[in-house]
């Protein structure tokens, strides 16, 4: 689970490279959750450093446990 303040690698074609979570709905975010991200690093594209965007968490480093095992 990713807490508020966690840094993320951004994997899309917007030009953003690194983002930091500034808002999550339930305090932490896992795969499939929508979060608000502040762009910390960008390289020529649709976004610039300092912008806030919504993002979807696609994968995390550690696996998540399913409730049914």
C-alpha atoms as a PDB file:
ATOM      1  CA  UNK A   1       0.000   0.000   0.000  1.00  0.00           C
ATOM      2  CA  UNK A   2       1.201   3.491  -0.855  1.00  0.00           C
ATOM      3  CA  UNK A   3       0.791   6.248   1.757  1.00  0.00           C
ATOM      4  CA  UNK A   4       0.382   9.972   1.186  1.00  0.00           C
ATOM      5  CA  UNK A   5       3.787  11.443   0.283  1.00  0.00           C
ATOM      6  CA  UNK A   6       5.056   8.357  -1.582  1.00  0.00           C
ATOM      7  CA  UNK A   7       6.975   8.913  -4.836  1.00  0.00           C
ATOM      8  CA  UNK A   8       5.834   7.132  -8.005  1.00  0.00           C
ATOM      9  CA  UNK A   9       7.361   6.345 -11.377  1.00  0.00           C
ATOM     10  CA  UNK A  10       4.919   7.537 -14.007  1.00  0.00           C
ATOM     11  CA  UNK A  11       4.448   5.238 -16.998  1.00  0.00           C
ATOM     12  CA  UNK A  12       2.467   7.003 -19.706  1.00  0.00           C
ATOM     13  CA  UNK A  13       3.082   9.228 -22.707  1.00  0.00           C
ATOM     14  CA  UNK A  14       2.486  12.589 -20.959  1.00  0.00           C
ATOM     15  CA  UNK A  15       6.187  13.322 -20.448  1.00  0.00           C
ATOM     16  CA  UNK A  16       6.033  13.069 -16.648  1.00  0.00           C
ATOM     17  CA  UNK A  17       8.714  10.895 -15.034  1.00  0.00           C
ATOM     18  CA  UNK A  18       8.228  11.205 -11.253  1.00  0.00           C
ATOM     19  CA  UNK A  19       5.234  12.113  -9.102  1.00  0.00           C
ATOM     20  CA  UNK A  20       4.367  12.367  -5.424  1.00  0.00           C
ATOM     21  CA  UNK A  21       1.012  11.336  -3.956  1.00  0.00           C
ATOM     22  CA  UNK A  22      -0.721  14.328  -2.371  1.00  0.00           C
ATOM     23  CA  UNK A  23      -4.209  12.842  -1.864  1.00  0.00           C
ATOM     24  CA  UNK A  24      -5.717   9.387  -1.467  1.00  0.00           C
ATOM     25  CA  UNK A  25      -9.298   8.560  -0.658  1.00  0.00           C
ATOM     26  CA  UNK A  26      -8.675   6.101   2.180  1.00  0.00           C
ATOM     27  CA  UNK A  27      -5.255   7.150   3.508  1.00  0.00           C
ATOM     28  CA  UNK A  28      -3.323   4.553   1.509  1.00  0.00           C
ATOM     29  CA  UNK A  29      -3.604   3.463  -2.099  1.00  0.00           C
ATOM     30  CA  UNK A  30      -3.164   0.086  -3.752  1.00  0.00           C
ATOM     31  CA  UNK A  31      -3.433  -1.187  -7.307  1.00  0.00           C
ATOM     32  CA  UNK A  32      -6.506   0.210  -9.061  1.00  0.00           C
ATOM     33  CA  UNK A  33      -6.983   3.224  -6.772  1.00  0.00           C
ATOM     34  CA  UNK A  34      -7.194   6.790  -8.084  1.00  0.00           C
ATOM     35  CA  UNK A  35      -4.816   9.263  -6.418  1.00  0.00           C
ATOM     36  CA  UNK A  36      -3.911  12.919  -6.904  1.00  0.00           C
ATOM     37  CA  UNK A  37      -0.258  13.389  -7.850  1.00  0.00           C
ATOM     38  CA  UNK A  38       2.081  16.388  -7.912  1.00  0.00           C
ATOM     39  CA  UNK A  39       4.463  16.149 -10.868  1.00  0.00           C
ATOM     40  CA  UNK A  40       8.039  16.390  -9.546  1.00  0.00           C
ATOM     41  CA  UNK A  41       9.991  15.626 -12.739  1.00  0.00           C
ATOM     42  CA  UNK A  42       8.913  16.011 -16.368  1.00  0.00           C
ATOM     43  CA  UNK A  43      10.710  15.917 -19.689  1.00  0.00           C
ATOM     44  CA  UNK A  44       9.050  17.786 -22.560  1.00  0.00           C
ATOM     45  CA  UNK A  45       5.465  16.754 -23.016  1.00  0.00           C
ATOM     46  CA  UNK A  46       1.908  17.588 -22.049  1.00  0.00           C
ATOM     47  CA  UNK A  47       2.689  18.223 -18.377  1.00  0.00           C
ATOM     48  CA  UNK A  48       5.200  20.387 -16.542  1.00  0.00           C
ATOM     49  CA  UNK A  49       6.852  20.191 -13.147  1.00  0.00           C
ATOM     50  CA  UNK A  50       4.550  21.436 -10.383  1.00  0.00           C
ATOM     51  CA  UNK A  51       1.225  20.476 -11.954  1.00  0.00           C
ATOM     52  CA  UNK A  52      -1.333  18.365 -10.101  1.00  0.00           C
ATOM     53  CA  UNK A  53      -2.986  15.492 -11.952  1.00  0.00           C
ATOM     54  CA  UNK A  54      -5.114  12.462 -11.179  1.00  0.00           C
ATOM     55  CA  UNK A  55      -3.459   9.077 -11.618  1.00  0.00           C
ATOM     56  CA  UNK A  56      -4.336   5.399 -11.289  1.00  0.00           C
ATOM     57  CA  UNK A  57      -1.998   3.075  -9.399  1.00  0.00           C
ATOM     58  CA  UNK A  58      -1.172   0.253 -11.821  1.00  0.00           C
ATOM     59  CA  UNK A  59       1.234  -1.913  -9.848  1.00  0.00           C
ATOM     60  CA  UNK A  60       3.159  -1.920  -6.582  1.00  0.00           C
ATOM     61  CA  UNK A  61       6.491  -3.417  -5.592  1.00  0.00           C
ATOM     62  CA  UNK A  62       4.994  -5.868  -3.102  1.00  0.00           C
ATOM     63  CA  UNK A  63       2.093  -8.204  -3.907  1.00  0.00           C
ATOM     64  CA  UNK A  64      -1.283  -7.630  -2.278  1.00  0.00           C
ATOM     65  CA  UNK A  65      -3.164 -10.399  -0.503  1.00  0.00           C
ATOM     66  CA  UNK A  66      -6.607 -11.319  -1.744  1.00  0.00           C
ATOM     67  CA  UNK A  67      -9.372 -11.562   0.859  1.00  0.00           C
ATOM     68  CA  UNK A  68     -10.380 -15.057  -0.334  1.00  0.00           C
ATOM     69  CA  UNK A  69      -6.819 -16.403  -0.180  1.00  0.00           C
END
